Structure formats: structure tokens, C-alpha cells
Amino acid sequence: MGDNGEKVSINPKTFKIVDGKLYLFYNKLFTNTLIPWNEDEDNLKGNADDFWKELIR
């Protein structure tokens, strides 16, 4: 999920496992979204989880 809940391409080599959940990140053209994730993980994790809940309804 992107910042606004939109689908984005991911790089399967750029990932993180948090509390047993796999999070995949965009990493292309000088943009690695894992870096800002690590800086604000608590806030961004909550947003990501909320976006996925909406998507799978």
C-alpha cells in the first residue's frame, strides 16, 4: 500500500517482518520506502494495517 492506500509495485528483496507479518516495500529509482518506515514504524504500521483491512473487506 502506498501512502494513500493505493497499490504500488514492490521489491521482494526489500521487506521486513514485524509481529509475524510480512511488509514489502517499494525500492526503485533512488526511492527505498523501507528507510522512512524504519524512522516512523509505529505510525506507518498502523496506517498500513488499516489500509489492508479496508482492502480485504
C-alpha atoms as a PDB file:
ATOM      1  CA  MET A   1       0.000   0.000   0.000  1.00  0.00           C
ATOM      2  CA  GLY A   2       1.183   3.457  -0.794  1.00  0.00           C
ATOM      3  CA  ASP A   3       0.763   6.453   1.491  1.00  0.00           C
ATOM      4  CA  ASN A   4      -2.872   6.839   0.487  1.00  0.00           C
ATOM      5  CA  GLY A   5      -3.806   3.167   0.368  1.00  0.00           C
ATOM      6  CA  GLU A   6      -3.161   2.777  -3.350  1.00  0.00           C
ATOM      7  CA  LYS A   7      -1.446  -0.320  -4.716  1.00  0.00           C
ATOM      8  CA  VAL A   8       2.219   0.132  -5.681  1.00  0.00           C
ATOM      9  CA  SER A   9       4.914  -2.114  -7.103  1.00  0.00           C
ATOM     10  CA  ILE A  10       7.196  -3.688  -4.527  1.00  0.00           C
ATOM     11  CA  ASN A  11      10.680  -5.131  -4.483  1.00  0.00           C
ATOM     12  CA  PRO A  12      10.551  -8.606  -2.918  1.00  0.00           C
ATOM     13  CA  LYS A  13      14.124  -8.153  -1.689  1.00  0.00           C
ATOM     14  CA  THR A  14      13.090  -5.115   0.369  1.00  0.00           C
ATOM     15  CA  PHE A  15      10.981  -6.416   3.238  1.00  0.00           C
ATOM     16  CA  LYS A  16      10.574  -6.515   6.981  1.00  0.00           C
ATOM     17  CA  ILE A  17       8.754  -8.925   9.275  1.00  0.00           C
ATOM     18  CA  VAL A  18       7.039  -7.255  12.232  1.00  0.00           C
ATOM     19  CA  ASP A  19       4.972  -9.222  14.755  1.00  0.00           C
ATOM     20  CA  GLY A  20       4.786 -12.149  12.344  1.00  0.00           C
ATOM     21  CA  LYS A  21       3.521 -10.010   9.425  1.00  0.00           C
ATOM     22  CA  LEU A  22       5.452  -9.564   6.193  1.00  0.00           C
ATOM     23  CA  TYR A  23       5.739  -5.966   4.977  1.00  0.00           C
ATOM     24  CA  LEU A  24       7.050  -5.402   1.442  1.00  0.00           C
ATOM     25  CA  PHE A  25       8.452  -2.071   0.260  1.00  0.00           C
ATOM     26  CA  TYR A  26       8.894  -0.071  -2.922  1.00  0.00           C
ATOM     27  CA  ASN A  27      12.590   0.218  -3.800  1.00  0.00           C
ATOM     28  CA  LYS A  28      13.268   1.691  -7.223  1.00  0.00           C
ATOM     29  CA  LEU A  29      14.825   4.776  -8.821  1.00  0.00           C
ATOM     30  CA  PHE A  30      16.512   6.142  -5.679  1.00  0.00           C
ATOM     31  CA  THR A  31      13.375   5.618  -3.564  1.00  0.00           C
ATOM     32  CA  ASN A  32      13.503   2.969  -0.851  1.00  0.00           C
ATOM     33  CA  THR A  33      10.380   3.198   1.296  1.00  0.00           C
ATOM     34  CA  LEU A  34      11.869   0.924   3.956  1.00  0.00           C
ATOM     35  CA  ILE A  35      14.028   3.839   5.123  1.00  0.00           C
ATOM     36  CA  PRO A  36      11.153   6.154   6.148  1.00  0.00           C
ATOM     37  CA  TRP A  37       9.293   3.105   7.514  1.00  0.00           C
ATOM     38  CA  ASN A  38      12.145   2.438   9.924  1.00  0.00           C
ATOM     39  CA  GLU A  39      12.092   6.093  11.020  1.00  0.00           C
ATOM     40  CA  ASP A  40       8.346   6.079  11.867  1.00  0.00           C
ATOM     41  CA  GLU A  41       7.386   2.410  12.051  1.00  0.00           C
ATOM     42  CA  ASP A  42       4.746   2.653  14.776  1.00  0.00           C
ATOM     43  CA  ASN A  43       2.702   5.269  12.926  1.00  0.00           C
ATOM     44  CA  LEU A  44       3.179   3.824   9.441  1.00  0.00           C
ATOM     45  CA  LYS A  45       2.458   0.257  10.579  1.00  0.00           C
ATOM     46  CA  GLY A  46      -0.895   1.374  11.949  1.00  0.00           C
ATOM     47  CA  ASN A  47      -1.727   3.125   8.679  1.00  0.00           C
ATOM     48  CA  ALA A  48      -0.676   0.106   6.619  1.00  0.00           C
ATOM     49  CA  ASP A  49      -2.738  -2.282   8.738  1.00  0.00           C
ATOM     50  CA  ASP A  50      -5.800  -0.012   8.411  1.00  0.00           C
ATOM     51  CA  PHE A  51      -5.421   0.209   4.619  1.00  0.00           C
ATOM     52  CA  TRP A  52      -5.226  -3.586   4.328  1.00  0.00           C
ATOM     53  CA  LYS A  53      -8.325  -4.030   6.473  1.00  0.00           C
ATOM     54  CA  GLU A  54     -10.228  -1.785   4.055  1.00  0.00           C
ATOM     55  CA  LEU A  55      -8.845  -3.588   1.003  1.00  0.00           C
ATOM     56  CA  ILE A  56      -9.834  -7.088   2.090  1.00  0.00           C
ATOM     57  CA  ARG A  57     -13.434  -6.224   3.003  1.00  0.00           C
END
